[in-house]
Amino acid sequence: MSETRTDYSAYVTRLTRSARRAALAMLSVSADRKNQALEAVARALEASRDFLQSENRKDLDAARAAGLAGSMIDRLTLSDKTIDAMVSGVRDIVALTDPVGKLEREWTTDGGLHIQKVRQPIGVIVVIYESRPNVTVDAGTLCLKSSNAVILRGGKEAFHSNQALAKVLHDALTPTAVDPDVIQVVNTIDRAVVGELLKRNGEVDLVVPRGGYGLVRRVVTESLIPVIKHYEGICHVYIDDECDAALAEKVTVNAKVQRPAICNAVETLLVHKSIADKVLEPVLAALKTHGVEIRGDEEVCRRFPAASPASEEDWSTEYLDLILSVKIVDSLDGAIEHINHYGSKHSDAIITTNEDHARRFCEEVDSAAVFVNCSTRLHDGGVFGMGAEIGISTDKLHARGPMGLEELTSYKYVVRGTGQIRE
């Protein structure tokens, strides 16, 4: 049930107060108790498959009626595989070491103070996201395990799916040692509630937006609360002059077509001029068989007539679709310069057999993650062994890359003395 616009202030106050109460209560919940609650969530998701898919069909029907792209409908669908992955992701989080209370370091000063640096939860987190209902479970359970409370606001396209997941999560947590308000889902699609949430500095400790450029820009512009984010995923694959051609084709095709609507899918392919005769046509032909539209520079269009001319705008465009811009570069330096100029500091890969070239690429490309001889699609907290992720950050303060459990904590200093005072 949605609340009217005039009620948003009171509604958000109830959300944030409930979240703060739950976050404070989490400070005394043991790792074992948290894991028991998470296992209850996993079992509930398995048992609620029919209910979740029934509610999800309402969103899918509305998406098709609205003419949403197939790639967006794919992100929206709670298939058996998606639900299995959510359940598996929750159990992966159970298996992870709890970062809360972890002793980072300790020392004793000359004055006899014993100081410990200890991991602590951030507190109350707001996550604002689009389309993908599995984010509700990923973000909610990660925040629970790291002893944070979270307020989740999903996109209107997934409203019924997210409300169904909220019910499953709440019902699963109610009989456990964890306050079910540790995970709350906003119950309206009105964008005005987002603006109200973003004002609540002091009640909310962190905002994490997950979605397109417009959503992230709005959050950064309006928020009075610290934000961790990435704007776009303008990701690159660079095929070096020294490379395994078969591997180059395999990685490039995967990086583009495996899930083109995801932020770590490649949007621009760079090819060294001296290897173009060997790899360009086979790689582009393989991409075309998967329905990829090629937009190339003048040389690419000359070599591959099926390509259409790329504009200046293409080099800085996140397509999130089966479209790829392709450019031939003169050198490794040229590739690095292009990536650092047009890229979004998200995910960039080099295909090379030259270790020195790989080292230079990794050192000089200023991105949250760089990949050598593997796909940019691997930029993911689960793939990195971190369990599920709450998002990928291209910021450089606090967290960069996949935000897993440890990135959802901060720290405090515990100082023990024997009566010392400041003179």
Protein backbone atom coordinates (compact mmCIF):
# COMPACT_ATOMS: atom_id res chain seq x y z
CA MET A 1 0.00 0.00 0.00
CA SER A 2 1.49 3.34 -1.04
CA GLU A 3 1.30 6.42 1.16
CA THR A 4 0.19 9.78 -0.16
CA ARG A 5 2.72 12.44 -0.95
CA THR A 6 1.78 14.47 2.14
CA ASP A 7 2.70 11.50 4.35
CA TYR A 8 6.26 10.99 3.07
CA SER A 9 7.95 12.94 5.84
CA ALA A 10 6.22 10.90 8.53
CA TYR A 11 6.68 7.69 6.55
CA VAL A 12 10.42 8.22 6.06
CA THR A 13 10.79 9.12 9.75
CA ARG A 14 9.23 5.77 10.64
CA LEU A 15 11.59 4.00 8.27
CA THR A 16 14.74 5.69 9.56
CA ARG A 17 13.80 5.34 13.24
CA SER A 18 13.02 1.66 12.79
CA ALA A 19 16.29 1.21 10.90
CA ARG A 20 18.33 2.99 13.59
CA ARG A 21 16.71 0.89 16.32
CA ALA A 22 17.47 -2.28 14.37
CA ALA A 23 21.06 -1.16 13.65
CA LEU A 24 21.75 -0.51 17.34
CA ALA A 25 20.25 -3.89 18.26
CA MET A 26 22.54 -5.59 15.71
CA LEU A 27 25.59 -4.52 17.72
CA SER A 28 24.80 -7.22 20.28
CA VAL A 29 23.80 -9.98 17.82
CA SER A 30 26.49 -12.65 17.49
CA ALA A 31 27.84 -13.95 14.19
CA ASP A 32 26.17 -17.32 14.85
CA ARG A 33 22.78 -15.66 15.38
CA LYS A 34 23.18 -13.63 12.21
CA ASN A 35 24.05 -16.76 10.26
CA GLN A 36 21.00 -18.56 11.65
CA ALA A 37 18.83 -15.66 10.49
CA LEU A 38 20.41 -15.74 7.04
CA GLU A 39 19.82 -19.48 6.75
CA ALA A 40 16.17 -18.83 7.62
CA VAL A 41 16.07 -16.32 4.74
CA ALA A 42 17.58 -18.86 2.33
CA ARG A 43 15.00 -21.48 3.29
CA ALA A 44 12.17 -18.97 2.97
CA LEU A 45 13.26 -17.95 -0.53
CA GLU A 46 13.30 -21.60 -1.60
CA ALA A 47 9.87 -22.21 -0.10
CA SER A 48 8.36 -19.04 -1.65
CA ARG A 49 9.38 -19.67 -5.26
CA ASP A 50 5.81 -19.88 -6.60
CA PHE A 51 4.69 -16.75 -4.74
CA LEU A 52 7.74 -14.76 -5.88
CA GLN A 53 7.34 -15.77 -9.52
CA SER A 54 3.60 -15.05 -9.45
CA GLU A 55 4.26 -11.50 -8.23
CA ASN A 56 7.17 -11.13 -10.63
CA ARG A 57 4.87 -11.94 -13.57
CA LYS A 58 2.89 -8.79 -12.77
CA ASP A 59 6.04 -6.75 -13.32
CA LEU A 60 7.00 -8.68 -16.45
CA ASP A 61 3.55 -8.18 -17.98
CA ALA A 62 3.72 -4.45 -17.28
CA ALA A 63 7.26 -4.26 -18.69
CA ARG A 64 6.26 -5.94 -21.94
CA ALA A 65 3.18 -3.72 -22.25
CA ALA A 66 5.42 -0.68 -21.79
CA GLY A 67 7.76 -1.90 -24.54
CA LEU A 68 10.85 -2.29 -22.36
CA ALA A 69 13.90 -3.75 -24.12
CA GLY A 70 14.56 -7.45 -23.88
CA SER A 71 17.77 -6.81 -21.95
CA MET A 72 15.82 -4.90 -19.30
CA ILE A 73 13.19 -7.64 -19.05
CA ASP A 74 16.02 -10.13 -18.57
CA ARG A 75 17.29 -8.12 -15.60
CA LEU A 76 13.78 -7.99 -14.16
CA THR A 77 12.95 -11.71 -14.38
CA LEU A 78 12.92 -13.92 -11.28
CA SER A 79 13.59 -17.17 -13.13
CA ASP A 80 14.30 -20.44 -11.33
CA LYS A 81 17.96 -19.79 -12.05
CA THR A 82 17.77 -16.30 -10.54
CA ILE A 83 16.06 -17.54 -7.38
CA ASP A 84 18.57 -20.39 -7.08
CA ALA A 85 21.35 -17.82 -7.40
CA MET A 86 19.79 -15.65 -4.68
CA VAL A 87 19.56 -18.62 -2.32
CA SER A 88 23.12 -19.65 -3.12
CA GLY A 89 24.28 -16.07 -2.61
CA VAL A 90 22.71 -15.91 0.86
CA ARG A 91 24.41 -19.17 1.85
CA ASP A 92 27.70 -17.88 0.47
CA ILE A 93 27.34 -14.91 2.83
CA VAL A 94 26.70 -17.29 5.73
CA ALA A 95 30.03 -18.95 4.96
CA LEU A 96 31.96 -15.67 4.97
CA THR A 97 33.87 -14.46 8.01
CA ASP A 98 32.00 -11.78 9.91
CA PRO A 99 34.05 -8.56 9.70
CA VAL A 100 32.35 -6.89 12.68
CA GLY A 101 34.68 -6.73 15.67
CA LYS A 102 37.70 -7.71 13.59
CA LEU A 103 40.90 -6.38 15.14
CA GLU A 104 42.72 -4.49 12.39
CA ARG A 105 45.78 -3.63 14.49
CA GLU A 106 46.78 -2.81 18.04
CA TRP A 107 49.71 -1.09 19.70
CA THR A 108 50.83 0.49 22.95
CA THR A 109 52.12 4.07 22.97
CA ASP A 110 55.12 5.33 24.89
CA GLY A 111 52.66 6.81 27.35
CA GLY A 112 51.16 3.42 28.10
CA LEU A 113 47.90 3.73 26.11
CA HIS A 114 46.80 0.43 24.58
CA ILE A 115 45.01 1.18 21.29
CA GLN A 116 42.98 -1.16 19.10
CA LYS A 117 41.53 -0.43 15.66
CA VAL A 118 38.33 -2.48 15.40
CA ARG A 119 35.89 -3.04 12.49
CA GLN A 120 32.38 -1.68 13.09
CA PRO A 121 29.19 -1.44 11.00
CA ILE A 122 28.42 1.81 9.21
CA GLY A 123 24.91 2.00 10.69
CA VAL A 124 21.89 2.83 8.51
CA ILE A 125 22.31 2.49 4.75
CA VAL A 126 19.91 3.48 1.98
CA VAL A 127 20.22 1.59 -1.32
CA ILE A 128 18.40 3.02 -4.37
CA TYR A 129 18.35 0.78 -7.43
CA GLU A 130 16.61 -0.04 -10.70
CA SER A 131 15.04 -3.11 -12.31
CA ARG A 132 16.92 -6.02 -10.76
CA PRO A 133 14.87 -7.44 -7.85
CA ASN A 134 17.69 -9.77 -6.80
CA VAL A 135 19.45 -6.65 -5.48
CA THR A 136 16.81 -6.61 -2.72
CA VAL A 137 18.16 -9.89 -1.37
CA ASP A 138 21.84 -9.26 -2.11
CA ALA A 139 21.92 -5.85 -0.45
CA GLY A 140 19.61 -6.81 2.39
CA THR A 141 21.51 -9.89 3.46
CA LEU A 142 24.94 -8.28 3.07
CA CYS A 143 23.83 -5.45 5.33
CA LEU A 144 22.44 -7.92 7.87
CA LYS A 145 25.67 -9.92 8.00
CA SER A 146 27.71 -6.73 8.46
CA SER A 147 25.31 -5.60 11.24
CA ASN A 148 23.93 -2.65 9.28
CA ALA A 149 20.28 -1.77 8.82
CA VAL A 150 19.19 -1.04 5.25
CA ILE A 151 16.33 0.82 3.60
CA LEU A 152 15.84 -0.42 0.04
CA ARG A 153 14.13 1.55 -2.69
CA GLY A 154 13.79 -0.40 -5.93
CA GLY A 155 12.60 0.76 -9.33
CA LYS A 156 8.96 0.95 -10.32
CA GLU A 157 9.50 -1.81 -12.91
CA ALA A 158 10.13 -4.32 -10.09
CA PHE A 159 7.61 -3.00 -7.57
CA HIS A 160 5.55 -6.17 -7.11
CA SER A 161 8.66 -8.37 -7.05
CA ASN A 162 10.34 -6.22 -4.43
CA GLN A 163 7.26 -6.06 -2.21
CA ALA A 164 7.01 -9.86 -2.41
CA LEU A 165 10.67 -10.24 -1.47
CA ALA A 166 10.17 -7.77 1.40
CA LYS A 167 7.38 -9.95 2.79
CA VAL A 168 9.46 -13.13 2.49
CA LEU A 169 12.44 -11.50 4.21
CA HIS A 170 10.34 -9.96 6.99
CA ASP A 171 8.47 -13.18 7.71
CA ALA A 172 11.70 -15.19 7.71
CA LEU A 173 13.44 -12.85 10.17
CA THR A 174 10.53 -12.36 12.58
CA PRO A 175 11.13 -15.55 14.65
CA THR A 176 14.94 -15.08 14.71
CA ALA A 177 17.23 -13.06 16.98
CA VAL A 178 17.43 -10.35 14.29
CA ASP A 179 14.98 -7.44 14.24
CA PRO A 180 13.15 -7.79 10.88
CA ASP A 181 13.36 -4.00 10.45
CA VAL A 182 17.05 -4.48 9.73
CA ILE A 183 15.82 -4.86 6.11
CA GLN A 184 13.03 -2.52 5.01
CA VAL A 185 11.69 -1.99 1.48
CA VAL A 186 10.04 1.30 0.52
CA ASN A 187 6.39 0.66 -0.35
CA THR A 188 5.80 3.39 -2.94
CA ILE A 189 7.07 4.07 -6.45
CA ASP A 190 6.70 7.85 -6.09
CA ARG A 191 10.09 9.46 -6.75
CA ALA A 192 9.34 12.09 -4.09
CA VAL A 193 10.12 9.57 -1.35
CA VAL A 194 13.70 9.37 -2.64
CA GLY A 195 14.11 13.11 -2.20
CA GLU A 196 12.83 12.83 1.35
CA LEU A 197 15.25 10.00 2.16
CA LEU A 198 18.20 11.95 0.76
CA LYS A 199 17.56 14.79 3.23
CA ARG A 200 17.96 12.57 6.28
CA ASN A 201 21.55 13.32 7.18
CA GLY A 202 22.06 12.22 10.77
CA GLU A 203 19.38 9.55 10.45
CA VAL A 204 21.00 7.75 7.51
CA ASP A 205 24.77 7.16 7.36
CA LEU A 206 25.34 6.18 3.72
CA VAL A 207 23.50 6.12 0.39
CA VAL A 208 24.38 3.64 -2.37
CA PRO A 209 22.71 4.23 -5.78
CA ARG A 210 22.69 1.39 -8.30
CA GLY A 211 21.37 2.20 -11.75
CA GLY A 212 21.76 4.42 -14.77
CA TYR A 213 23.51 7.74 -15.04
CA GLY A 214 20.34 9.75 -14.41
CA LEU A 215 19.55 7.98 -11.15
CA VAL A 216 23.10 8.28 -9.83
CA ARG A 217 23.38 11.93 -10.85
CA ARG A 218 20.13 12.76 -9.07
CA VAL A 219 21.25 11.04 -5.87
CA VAL A 220 24.65 12.74 -5.86
CA THR A 221 23.10 16.14 -6.58
CA GLU A 222 20.35 15.97 -3.97
CA SER A 223 21.86 13.91 -1.17
CA LEU A 224 22.89 15.53 2.11
CA ILE A 225 24.28 12.11 3.08
CA PRO A 226 27.63 10.59 1.93
CA VAL A 227 27.22 8.62 -1.32
CA ILE A 228 29.26 5.72 -2.73
CA LYS A 229 28.59 5.07 -6.41
CA HIS A 230 29.65 4.63 -9.97
CA TYR A 231 28.06 6.74 -12.71
CA GLU A 232 28.56 4.54 -15.77
CA GLY A 233 30.31 1.42 -16.94
CA ILE A 234 32.19 2.55 -20.04
CA CYS A 235 34.44 -0.50 -20.08
CA HIS A 236 37.18 -1.43 -22.56
CA VAL A 237 38.98 -4.46 -23.92
CA TYR A 238 42.36 -3.72 -25.49
CA ILE A 239 43.87 -6.39 -27.77
CA ASP A 240 47.63 -5.94 -27.63
CA ASP A 241 50.08 -6.48 -30.49
CA GLU A 242 51.35 -9.57 -28.64
CA CYS A 243 48.35 -11.74 -27.86
CA ASP A 244 46.68 -15.12 -28.21
CA ALA A 245 44.17 -14.48 -31.01
CA ALA A 246 41.75 -17.24 -29.95
CA LEU A 247 41.78 -16.00 -26.37
CA ALA A 248 41.20 -12.44 -27.58
CA GLU A 249 38.09 -13.52 -29.46
CA LYS A 250 36.76 -15.61 -26.58
CA VAL A 251 37.20 -12.87 -23.97
CA THR A 252 35.87 -10.03 -26.14
CA VAL A 253 32.73 -11.91 -27.14
CA ASN A 254 32.02 -12.84 -23.51
CA ALA A 255 32.65 -9.31 -22.28
CA LYS A 256 30.12 -7.92 -24.76
CA VAL A 257 27.35 -10.47 -25.19
CA GLN A 258 27.10 -12.54 -22.01
CA ARG A 259 24.91 -9.87 -20.38
CA PRO A 260 25.16 -6.65 -22.36
CA ALA A 261 22.89 -4.62 -20.05
CA ILE A 262 25.23 -4.95 -17.05
CA CYS A 263 27.64 -2.19 -16.00
CA ASN A 264 30.77 -4.34 -16.46
CA ALA A 265 29.97 -5.33 -20.06
CA VAL A 266 32.51 -3.97 -22.55
CA GLU A 267 31.43 -0.94 -24.60
CA THR A 268 34.63 -0.19 -26.56
CA LEU A 269 37.14 -2.53 -28.19
CA LEU A 270 40.65 -1.23 -28.90
CA VAL A 271 42.93 -3.17 -31.26
CA HIS A 272 46.65 -2.58 -31.82
CA LYS A 273 47.27 -1.73 -35.48
CA SER A 274 49.97 -4.37 -35.96
CA ILE A 275 47.65 -7.22 -34.90
CA ALA A 276 44.54 -5.94 -36.73
CA ASP A 277 45.15 -8.12 -39.82
CA LYS A 278 45.10 -11.21 -37.62
CA VAL A 279 42.35 -10.58 -35.07
CA LEU A 280 40.03 -7.77 -36.15
CA GLU A 281 37.87 -9.55 -38.72
CA PRO A 282 37.48 -12.84 -36.77
CA VAL A 283 36.58 -11.02 -33.56
CA LEU A 284 34.08 -8.69 -35.23
CA ALA A 285 32.58 -11.52 -37.27
CA ALA A 286 32.08 -13.54 -34.07
CA LEU A 287 30.40 -10.55 -32.44
CA LYS A 288 28.10 -10.10 -35.44
CA THR A 289 26.90 -13.69 -35.14
CA HIS A 290 25.61 -12.71 -31.69
CA GLY A 291 23.75 -9.72 -33.11
CA VAL A 292 26.24 -7.05 -32.06
CA GLU A 293 26.13 -3.77 -33.99
CA ILE A 294 29.68 -2.57 -34.74
CA ARG A 295 30.49 1.14 -34.79
CA GLY A 296 34.05 1.66 -35.93
CA ASP A 297 36.60 4.33 -36.70
CA GLU A 298 37.56 4.93 -40.33
CA GLU A 299 40.10 2.12 -40.44
CA VAL A 300 37.73 -0.39 -38.81
CA CYS A 301 35.01 0.48 -41.32
CA ARG A 302 37.47 0.02 -44.18
CA ARG A 303 38.51 -3.41 -42.92
CA PHE A 304 35.05 -4.56 -41.82
CA PRO A 305 32.35 -3.22 -44.18
CA ALA A 306 29.52 -4.37 -41.90
CA ALA A 307 30.56 -1.71 -39.39
CA SER A 308 28.95 1.73 -39.34
CA PRO A 309 30.99 4.88 -38.63
CA ALA A 310 31.50 5.75 -34.96
CA SER A 311 30.93 9.30 -33.79
CA GLU A 312 32.91 11.13 -31.12
CA GLU A 313 29.99 10.51 -28.78
CA ASP A 314 30.28 6.74 -29.18
CA TRP A 315 33.62 6.61 -27.35
CA SER A 316 31.97 7.91 -24.18
CA THR A 317 28.65 6.05 -24.42
CA GLU A 318 27.46 3.25 -22.16
CA TYR A 319 25.19 1.35 -24.54
CA LEU A 320 23.95 -1.39 -22.18
CA ASP A 321 22.96 -3.15 -25.39
CA LEU A 322 24.39 -5.23 -28.23
CA ILE A 323 26.37 -2.29 -29.63
CA LEU A 324 30.16 -1.98 -29.58
CA SER A 325 32.45 0.86 -30.61
CA VAL A 326 35.78 -0.30 -32.10
CA LYS A 327 38.99 1.63 -32.64
CA ILE A 328 42.44 0.75 -33.95
CA VAL A 329 45.23 2.30 -31.87
CA ASP A 330 48.90 2.82 -32.65
CA SER A 331 50.34 1.58 -29.38
CA LEU A 332 49.81 0.47 -25.80
CA ASP A 333 50.28 4.12 -24.83
CA GLY A 334 47.45 5.06 -27.20
CA ALA A 335 45.16 2.46 -25.65
CA ILE A 336 45.90 3.63 -22.11
CA GLU A 337 45.41 7.26 -23.10
CA HIS A 338 42.06 6.47 -24.75
CA ILE A 339 40.80 4.50 -21.73
CA ASN A 340 41.81 7.13 -19.20
CA HIS A 341 40.22 9.86 -21.32
CA TYR A 342 36.91 8.24 -22.30
CA GLY A 343 36.46 5.52 -19.68
CA SER A 344 34.46 5.66 -16.46
CA LYS A 345 37.14 4.10 -14.21
CA HIS A 346 35.08 0.93 -13.87
CA SER A 347 36.43 -2.22 -15.60
CA ASP A 348 39.09 -2.44 -18.32
CA ALA A 349 40.98 -5.41 -19.78
CA ILE A 350 44.12 -6.12 -21.77
CA ILE A 351 44.65 -9.24 -23.87
CA THR A 352 48.38 -9.84 -24.12
CA THR A 353 51.16 -12.39 -23.81
CA ASN A 354 53.68 -9.68 -22.92
CA GLU A 355 54.03 -9.45 -19.14
CA ASP A 356 55.62 -6.01 -19.29
CA HIS A 357 52.68 -4.69 -21.30
CA ALA A 358 50.27 -6.26 -18.80
CA ARG A 359 52.13 -4.66 -15.88
CA ARG A 360 52.08 -1.21 -17.51
CA PHE A 361 48.37 -1.51 -18.31
CA CYS A 362 47.57 -2.48 -14.72
CA GLU A 363 49.69 0.33 -13.29
CA GLU A 364 48.59 3.11 -15.64
CA VAL A 365 44.90 2.48 -16.30
CA ASP A 366 43.06 4.37 -13.55
CA SER A 367 40.10 2.05 -13.00
CA ALA A 368 38.52 0.29 -10.04
CA ALA A 369 39.46 -3.08 -11.57
CA VAL A 370 41.82 -4.03 -14.39
CA PHE A 371 41.88 -7.46 -16.02
CA VAL A 372 44.61 -9.35 -17.83
CA ASN A 373 43.49 -12.02 -20.32
CA CYS A 374 40.01 -12.33 -18.83
CA SER A 375 36.60 -10.75 -19.20
CA THR A 376 35.45 -7.47 -17.64
CA ARG A 377 32.25 -9.35 -16.77
CA LEU A 378 34.22 -10.91 -13.90
CA HIS A 379 34.12 -7.62 -11.96
CA ASP A 380 31.75 -8.89 -9.33
CA GLY A 381 31.87 -9.45 -5.58
CA GLY A 382 30.69 -13.04 -5.89
CA VAL A 383 33.31 -13.86 -8.53
CA PHE A 384 35.97 -12.21 -6.36
CA GLY A 385 35.05 -14.53 -3.49
CA MET A 386 33.46 -11.73 -1.44
CA GLY A 387 29.95 -13.20 -1.49
CA ALA A 388 27.24 -10.99 -2.96
CA GLU A 389 27.95 -7.30 -3.42
CA ILE A 390 25.94 -4.21 -2.64
CA GLY A 391 27.38 -2.49 -5.70
CA ILE A 392 30.58 -1.47 -7.48
CA SER A 393 32.25 1.78 -6.55
CA THR A 394 34.50 3.88 -8.77
CA ASP A 395 35.13 6.30 -5.90
CA LYS A 396 38.54 6.38 -4.23
CA LEU A 397 37.51 7.16 -0.67
CA HIS A 398 36.37 4.37 1.66
CA ALA A 399 35.54 1.76 -0.98
CA ARG A 400 36.56 1.03 -4.57
CA GLY A 401 35.45 -1.88 -6.74
CA PRO A 402 32.97 -4.49 -5.42
CA MET A 403 31.44 -3.52 -2.09
CA GLY A 404 31.25 -6.69 -0.04
CA LEU A 405 31.07 -7.26 3.69
CA GLU A 406 34.26 -5.49 4.72
CA GLU A 407 33.41 -2.44 2.57
CA LEU A 408 30.12 -2.17 4.52
CA THR A 409 32.04 -1.57 7.73
CA SER A 410 34.10 1.29 9.09
CA TYR A 411 36.20 1.18 12.23
CA LYS A 412 36.65 2.75 15.63
CA TYR A 413 39.52 3.02 18.08
CA VAL A 414 39.30 1.39 21.50
CA VAL A 415 41.77 3.07 23.87
CA ARG A 416 42.61 1.61 27.31
CA GLY A 417 44.65 3.46 29.87
CA THR A 418 45.62 3.55 33.53
CA GLY A 419 44.65 7.08 34.40
CA GLN A 420 46.54 9.02 31.69
CA ILE A 421 45.46 12.62 31.10
CA ARG A 422 46.37 15.27 28.51
CA GLU A 423 48.73 17.86 30.02
